Amino acid sequence: MEGQKQMTHAYPDAPGFKTEGTSKEAARKIDPHANTLRELAYATISHSSAGLTADEVATRMGETVLAIRPRLTELKLAGRIVRTGQRRKNVSGMNAAVWCCT
């Protein structure tokens, strides 16, 4: 589409989407910022000896969890972070995975 940047990398090196429509539109919109967010999320996790949940990463970065949770999935698929096996309550009160760097 005119005015939109073409995604040049494949998932997980770039935002992914499962269906055409809003999911694809969101992936294209975040694409120019995804690498920066991904690297900042990795750095944030790497500076925590106890690991962090997606909500905790988002809070420390001043971002929404909707922008950060997919970046953690991308980092996981790239083999850069893993689940610690621990879980902590997130903002919604649900137990969330705690992540650490590999």
N, C-alpha and C. Protein backbone atom coordinates (compact mmCIF):
# COMPACT_ATOMS: atom_id res chain seq x y z
N MET A 1 0.83 -1.18 0.00
CA MET A 1 0.00 0.00 0.00
C MET A 1 0.88 1.25 0.00
N GLU A 2 0.40 2.27 -0.61
CA GLU A 2 1.14 3.51 -0.69
C GLU A 2 1.34 4.10 0.70
N GLY A 3 2.58 4.58 0.99
CA GLY A 3 2.86 5.21 2.26
C GLY A 3 3.23 4.25 3.36
N GLN A 4 3.14 2.94 3.12
CA GLN A 4 3.51 1.98 4.14
C GLN A 4 4.83 1.33 3.78
N LYS A 5 5.65 1.12 4.79
CA LYS A 5 6.94 0.51 4.61
C LYS A 5 6.77 -0.98 4.38
N GLN A 6 7.49 -1.52 3.41
CA GLN A 6 7.49 -2.96 3.19
C GLN A 6 8.32 -3.63 4.27
N MET A 7 7.81 -4.71 4.85
CA MET A 7 8.57 -5.44 5.83
C MET A 7 9.61 -6.26 5.08
N THR A 8 10.87 -6.08 5.46
CA THR A 8 11.96 -6.67 4.71
C THR A 8 12.51 -7.96 5.33
N HIS A 9 12.14 -8.25 6.56
CA HIS A 9 12.64 -9.44 7.24
C HIS A 9 11.48 -10.37 7.55
N ALA A 10 11.81 -11.62 7.78
CA ALA A 10 10.78 -12.61 8.11
C ALA A 10 10.66 -12.75 9.63
N TYR A 11 9.51 -13.17 10.07
CA TYR A 11 9.25 -13.45 11.47
C TYR A 11 10.19 -14.55 11.93
N PRO A 12 10.84 -14.47 13.08
CA PRO A 12 10.64 -13.52 14.17
C PRO A 12 11.55 -12.30 14.12
N ASP A 13 12.26 -12.09 13.04
CA ASP A 13 13.11 -10.90 12.93
C ASP A 13 12.31 -9.65 12.60
N ALA A 14 11.06 -9.82 12.26
CA ALA A 14 10.14 -8.73 11.99
C ALA A 14 8.78 -9.13 12.54
N PRO A 15 7.91 -8.16 12.83
CA PRO A 15 6.58 -8.48 13.34
C PRO A 15 5.82 -9.40 12.39
N GLY A 16 5.11 -10.34 12.96
CA GLY A 16 4.34 -11.27 12.15
C GLY A 16 2.85 -11.01 12.27
N PHE A 17 2.10 -11.70 11.43
CA PHE A 17 0.64 -11.63 11.48
C PHE A 17 0.10 -12.93 10.93
N LYS A 18 -1.07 -13.32 11.43
CA LYS A 18 -1.66 -14.60 11.02
C LYS A 18 -2.69 -14.43 9.92
N THR A 19 -3.33 -13.28 9.88
CA THR A 19 -4.37 -13.06 8.89
C THR A 19 -4.26 -11.66 8.30
N GLU A 20 -4.83 -11.50 7.13
CA GLU A 20 -4.93 -10.17 6.52
C GLU A 20 -5.85 -9.31 7.38
N GLY A 21 -5.74 -8.02 7.25
CA GLY A 21 -6.62 -7.12 7.98
C GLY A 21 -5.89 -6.42 9.10
N THR A 22 -6.55 -6.32 10.26
CA THR A 22 -5.99 -5.53 11.34
C THR A 22 -4.67 -6.09 11.87
N SER A 23 -4.52 -7.41 11.89
CA SER A 23 -3.27 -8.01 12.37
C SER A 23 -2.11 -7.62 11.47
N LYS A 24 -2.31 -7.70 10.16
CA LYS A 24 -1.27 -7.32 9.21
C LYS A 24 -1.00 -5.83 9.30
N GLU A 25 -2.04 -5.03 9.44
CA GLU A 25 -1.89 -3.58 9.55
C GLU A 25 -1.07 -3.22 10.79
N ALA A 26 -1.35 -3.89 11.91
CA ALA A 26 -0.60 -3.63 13.15
C ALA A 26 0.87 -4.01 12.98
N ALA A 27 1.14 -5.15 12.32
CA ALA A 27 2.52 -5.59 12.09
C ALA A 27 3.27 -4.56 11.25
N ARG A 28 2.63 -4.07 10.21
CA ARG A 28 3.28 -3.06 9.36
C ARG A 28 3.52 -1.75 10.11
N LYS A 29 2.58 -1.38 10.96
CA LYS A 29 2.71 -0.12 11.69
C LYS A 29 3.86 -0.18 12.70
N ILE A 30 4.03 -1.32 13.38
CA ILE A 30 5.06 -1.43 14.41
C ILE A 30 6.43 -1.78 13.80
N ASP A 31 6.45 -2.26 12.58
CA ASP A 31 7.69 -2.73 11.95
C ASP A 31 8.87 -1.76 12.06
N PRO A 32 8.70 -0.47 11.80
CA PRO A 32 9.85 0.43 11.89
C PRO A 32 10.43 0.55 13.31
N HIS A 33 9.64 0.20 14.31
CA HIS A 33 10.03 0.35 15.71
C HIS A 33 10.32 -0.98 16.40
N ALA A 34 9.96 -2.09 15.77
CA ALA A 34 10.03 -3.39 16.43
C ALA A 34 11.43 -3.77 16.85
N ASN A 35 12.41 -3.54 16.01
CA ASN A 35 13.77 -3.93 16.36
C ASN A 35 14.26 -3.15 17.58
N THR A 36 13.97 -1.85 17.61
CA THR A 36 14.37 -1.04 18.76
C THR A 36 13.67 -1.53 20.02
N LEU A 37 12.37 -1.77 19.94
CA LEU A 37 11.63 -2.27 21.10
C LEU A 37 12.15 -3.63 21.54
N ARG A 38 12.44 -4.49 20.57
CA ARG A 38 12.96 -5.83 20.86
C ARG A 38 14.29 -5.74 21.61
N GLU A 39 15.19 -4.90 21.12
CA GLU A 39 16.51 -4.76 21.74
C GLU A 39 16.41 -4.10 23.12
N LEU A 40 15.53 -3.13 23.28
CA LEU A 40 15.34 -2.50 24.58
C LEU A 40 14.71 -3.49 25.57
N ALA A 41 13.78 -4.31 25.09
CA ALA A 41 13.18 -5.34 25.95
C ALA A 41 14.24 -6.34 26.40
N TYR A 42 15.09 -6.75 25.47
CA TYR A 42 16.18 -7.68 25.80
C TYR A 42 17.10 -7.06 26.85
N ALA A 43 17.49 -5.80 26.66
CA ALA A 43 18.36 -5.12 27.61
C ALA A 43 17.69 -5.00 28.98
N THR A 44 16.40 -4.72 28.99
CA THR A 44 15.65 -4.60 30.24
C THR A 44 15.66 -5.92 30.99
N ILE A 45 15.40 -7.01 30.29
CA ILE A 45 15.41 -8.33 30.92
C ILE A 45 16.83 -8.68 31.40
N SER A 46 17.82 -8.34 30.60
CA SER A 46 19.20 -8.70 30.95
C SER A 46 19.68 -8.00 32.21
N HIS A 47 19.07 -6.87 32.57
CA HIS A 47 19.46 -6.14 33.76
C HIS A 47 18.67 -6.55 35.00
N SER A 48 17.86 -7.60 34.89
CA SER A 48 17.08 -8.06 36.04
C SER A 48 17.54 -9.46 36.44
N SER A 49 18.09 -9.57 37.63
CA SER A 49 18.58 -10.87 38.09
C SER A 49 17.43 -11.83 38.39
N ALA A 50 16.24 -11.31 38.64
CA ALA A 50 15.08 -12.15 38.96
C ALA A 50 14.21 -12.47 37.75
N GLY A 51 14.60 -11.96 36.56
CA GLY A 51 13.76 -12.13 35.38
C GLY A 51 12.57 -11.19 35.45
N LEU A 52 11.84 -11.10 34.35
CA LEU A 52 10.70 -10.19 34.28
C LEU A 52 9.56 -10.80 33.49
N THR A 53 8.34 -10.42 33.84
CA THR A 53 7.17 -10.76 33.03
C THR A 53 7.05 -9.72 31.91
N ALA A 54 6.21 -9.99 30.95
CA ALA A 54 5.98 -9.02 29.87
C ALA A 54 5.45 -7.70 30.42
N ASP A 55 4.55 -7.78 31.40
CA ASP A 55 4.02 -6.55 32.00
C ASP A 55 5.12 -5.76 32.70
N GLU A 56 6.01 -6.47 33.39
CA GLU A 56 7.10 -5.79 34.08
C GLU A 56 8.06 -5.13 33.09
N VAL A 57 8.35 -5.81 31.99
CA VAL A 57 9.20 -5.23 30.96
C VAL A 57 8.54 -3.97 30.40
N ALA A 58 7.26 -4.08 30.06
CA ALA A 58 6.53 -2.94 29.50
C ALA A 58 6.53 -1.75 30.46
N THR A 59 6.29 -2.00 31.73
CA THR A 59 6.27 -0.93 32.73
C THR A 59 7.63 -0.26 32.83
N ARG A 60 8.68 -1.05 32.90
CA ARG A 60 10.03 -0.48 33.01
C ARG A 60 10.41 0.33 31.76
N MET A 61 9.88 -0.07 30.62
CA MET A 61 10.19 0.62 29.38
C MET A 61 9.25 1.79 29.10
N GLY A 62 8.15 1.89 29.85
CA GLY A 62 7.17 2.93 29.59
C GLY A 62 6.38 2.67 28.32
N GLU A 63 6.19 1.39 28.00
CA GLU A 63 5.46 0.97 26.80
C GLU A 63 4.23 0.18 27.21
N THR A 64 3.34 -0.07 26.27
CA THR A 64 2.20 -0.92 26.55
C THR A 64 2.62 -2.38 26.42
N VAL A 65 1.95 -3.22 27.16
CA VAL A 65 2.23 -4.65 27.07
C VAL A 65 1.88 -5.17 25.67
N LEU A 66 0.96 -4.50 24.99
CA LEU A 66 0.60 -4.91 23.63
C LEU A 66 1.74 -4.67 22.64
N ALA A 67 2.61 -3.72 22.93
CA ALA A 67 3.78 -3.49 22.09
C ALA A 67 4.92 -4.42 22.47
N ILE A 68 4.97 -4.84 23.74
CA ILE A 68 6.10 -5.61 24.25
C ILE A 68 5.90 -7.13 24.17
N ARG A 69 4.72 -7.61 24.46
CA ARG A 69 4.50 -9.06 24.48
C ARG A 69 4.92 -9.73 23.16
N PRO A 70 4.58 -9.18 22.01
CA PRO A 70 5.04 -9.81 20.75
C PRO A 70 6.55 -9.77 20.59
N ARG A 71 7.19 -8.71 21.11
CA ARG A 71 8.65 -8.63 21.01
C ARG A 71 9.30 -9.74 21.84
N LEU A 72 8.68 -10.11 22.98
CA LEU A 72 9.22 -11.20 23.79
C LEU A 72 9.05 -12.53 23.06
N THR A 73 7.96 -12.71 22.37
CA THR A 73 7.78 -13.93 21.57
C THR A 73 8.85 -13.99 20.49
N GLU A 74 9.12 -12.87 19.85
CA GLU A 74 10.17 -12.83 18.82
C GLU A 74 11.54 -13.17 19.42
N LEU A 75 11.82 -12.62 20.61
CA LEU A 75 13.09 -12.93 21.29
C LEU A 75 13.17 -14.40 21.67
N LYS A 76 12.05 -14.96 22.11
CA LYS A 76 12.02 -16.39 22.46
C LYS A 76 12.30 -17.24 21.23
N LEU A 77 11.64 -16.94 20.13
CA LEU A 77 11.83 -17.73 18.90
C LEU A 77 13.24 -17.58 18.33
N ALA A 78 13.88 -16.45 18.62
CA ALA A 78 15.26 -16.24 18.19
C ALA A 78 16.26 -16.90 19.14
N GLY A 79 15.76 -17.49 20.23
CA GLY A 79 16.62 -18.17 21.18
C GLY A 79 17.36 -17.25 22.12
N ARG A 80 16.89 -16.02 22.26
CA ARG A 80 17.60 -15.03 23.10
C ARG A 80 17.07 -14.94 24.52
N ILE A 81 15.81 -15.35 24.73
CA ILE A 81 15.25 -15.40 26.09
C ILE A 81 14.53 -16.73 26.27
N VAL A 82 14.40 -17.12 27.53
CA VAL A 82 13.68 -18.35 27.88
C VAL A 82 12.83 -18.10 29.12
N ARG A 83 11.83 -18.94 29.29
CA ARG A 83 11.03 -18.89 30.51
C ARG A 83 11.86 -19.47 31.65
N THR A 84 11.75 -18.85 32.82
CA THR A 84 12.50 -19.32 33.98
C THR A 84 11.80 -20.49 34.67
N GLY A 85 10.53 -20.69 34.37
CA GLY A 85 9.73 -21.68 35.09
C GLY A 85 8.94 -21.04 36.21
N GLN A 86 9.26 -19.80 36.54
CA GLN A 86 8.51 -19.06 37.55
C GLN A 86 7.35 -18.33 36.89
N ARG A 87 6.38 -17.98 37.72
CA ARG A 87 5.24 -17.20 37.26
C ARG A 87 4.94 -16.17 38.32
N ARG A 88 4.52 -14.97 37.86
CA ARG A 88 4.13 -13.90 38.78
C ARG A 88 2.83 -13.28 38.27
N LYS A 89 2.09 -12.71 39.19
CA LYS A 89 0.84 -12.03 38.83
C LYS A 89 1.14 -10.83 37.95
N ASN A 90 0.34 -10.70 36.88
CA ASN A 90 0.47 -9.52 36.03
C ASN A 90 -0.60 -8.51 36.40
N VAL A 91 -0.71 -7.45 35.64
CA VAL A 91 -1.65 -6.37 35.94
C VAL A 91 -3.09 -6.87 36.02
N SER A 92 -3.45 -7.85 35.20
CA SER A 92 -4.82 -8.35 35.20
C SER A 92 -5.07 -9.39 36.30
N GLY A 93 -4.03 -9.70 37.09
CA GLY A 93 -4.18 -10.66 38.17
C GLY A 93 -3.91 -12.10 37.77
N MET A 94 -3.59 -12.31 36.51
CA MET A 94 -3.29 -13.66 36.03
C MET A 94 -1.80 -13.96 36.25
N ASN A 95 -1.46 -15.24 36.33
CA ASN A 95 -0.06 -15.63 36.42
C ASN A 95 0.59 -15.53 35.07
N ALA A 96 1.75 -14.90 35.01
CA ALA A 96 2.45 -14.68 33.77
C ALA A 96 3.85 -15.29 33.85
N ALA A 97 4.34 -15.75 32.72
CA ALA A 97 5.69 -16.32 32.65
C ALA A 97 6.72 -15.25 32.96
N VAL A 98 7.78 -15.68 33.64
CA VAL A 98 8.94 -14.83 33.92
C VAL A 98 10.02 -15.22 32.93
N TRP A 99 10.63 -14.22 32.30
CA TRP A 99 11.62 -14.44 31.25
C TRP A 99 13.01 -14.03 31.71
N CYS A 100 14.02 -14.73 31.23
CA CYS A 100 15.41 -14.34 31.45
C CYS A 100 16.19 -14.53 30.15
N CYS A 101 17.36 -13.92 30.07
CA CYS A 101 18.19 -14.05 28.88
C CYS A 101 18.90 -15.40 28.86
N THR A 102 19.17 -15.91 27.68
CA THR A 102 19.87 -17.18 27.56
C THR A 102 21.36 -16.98 27.71
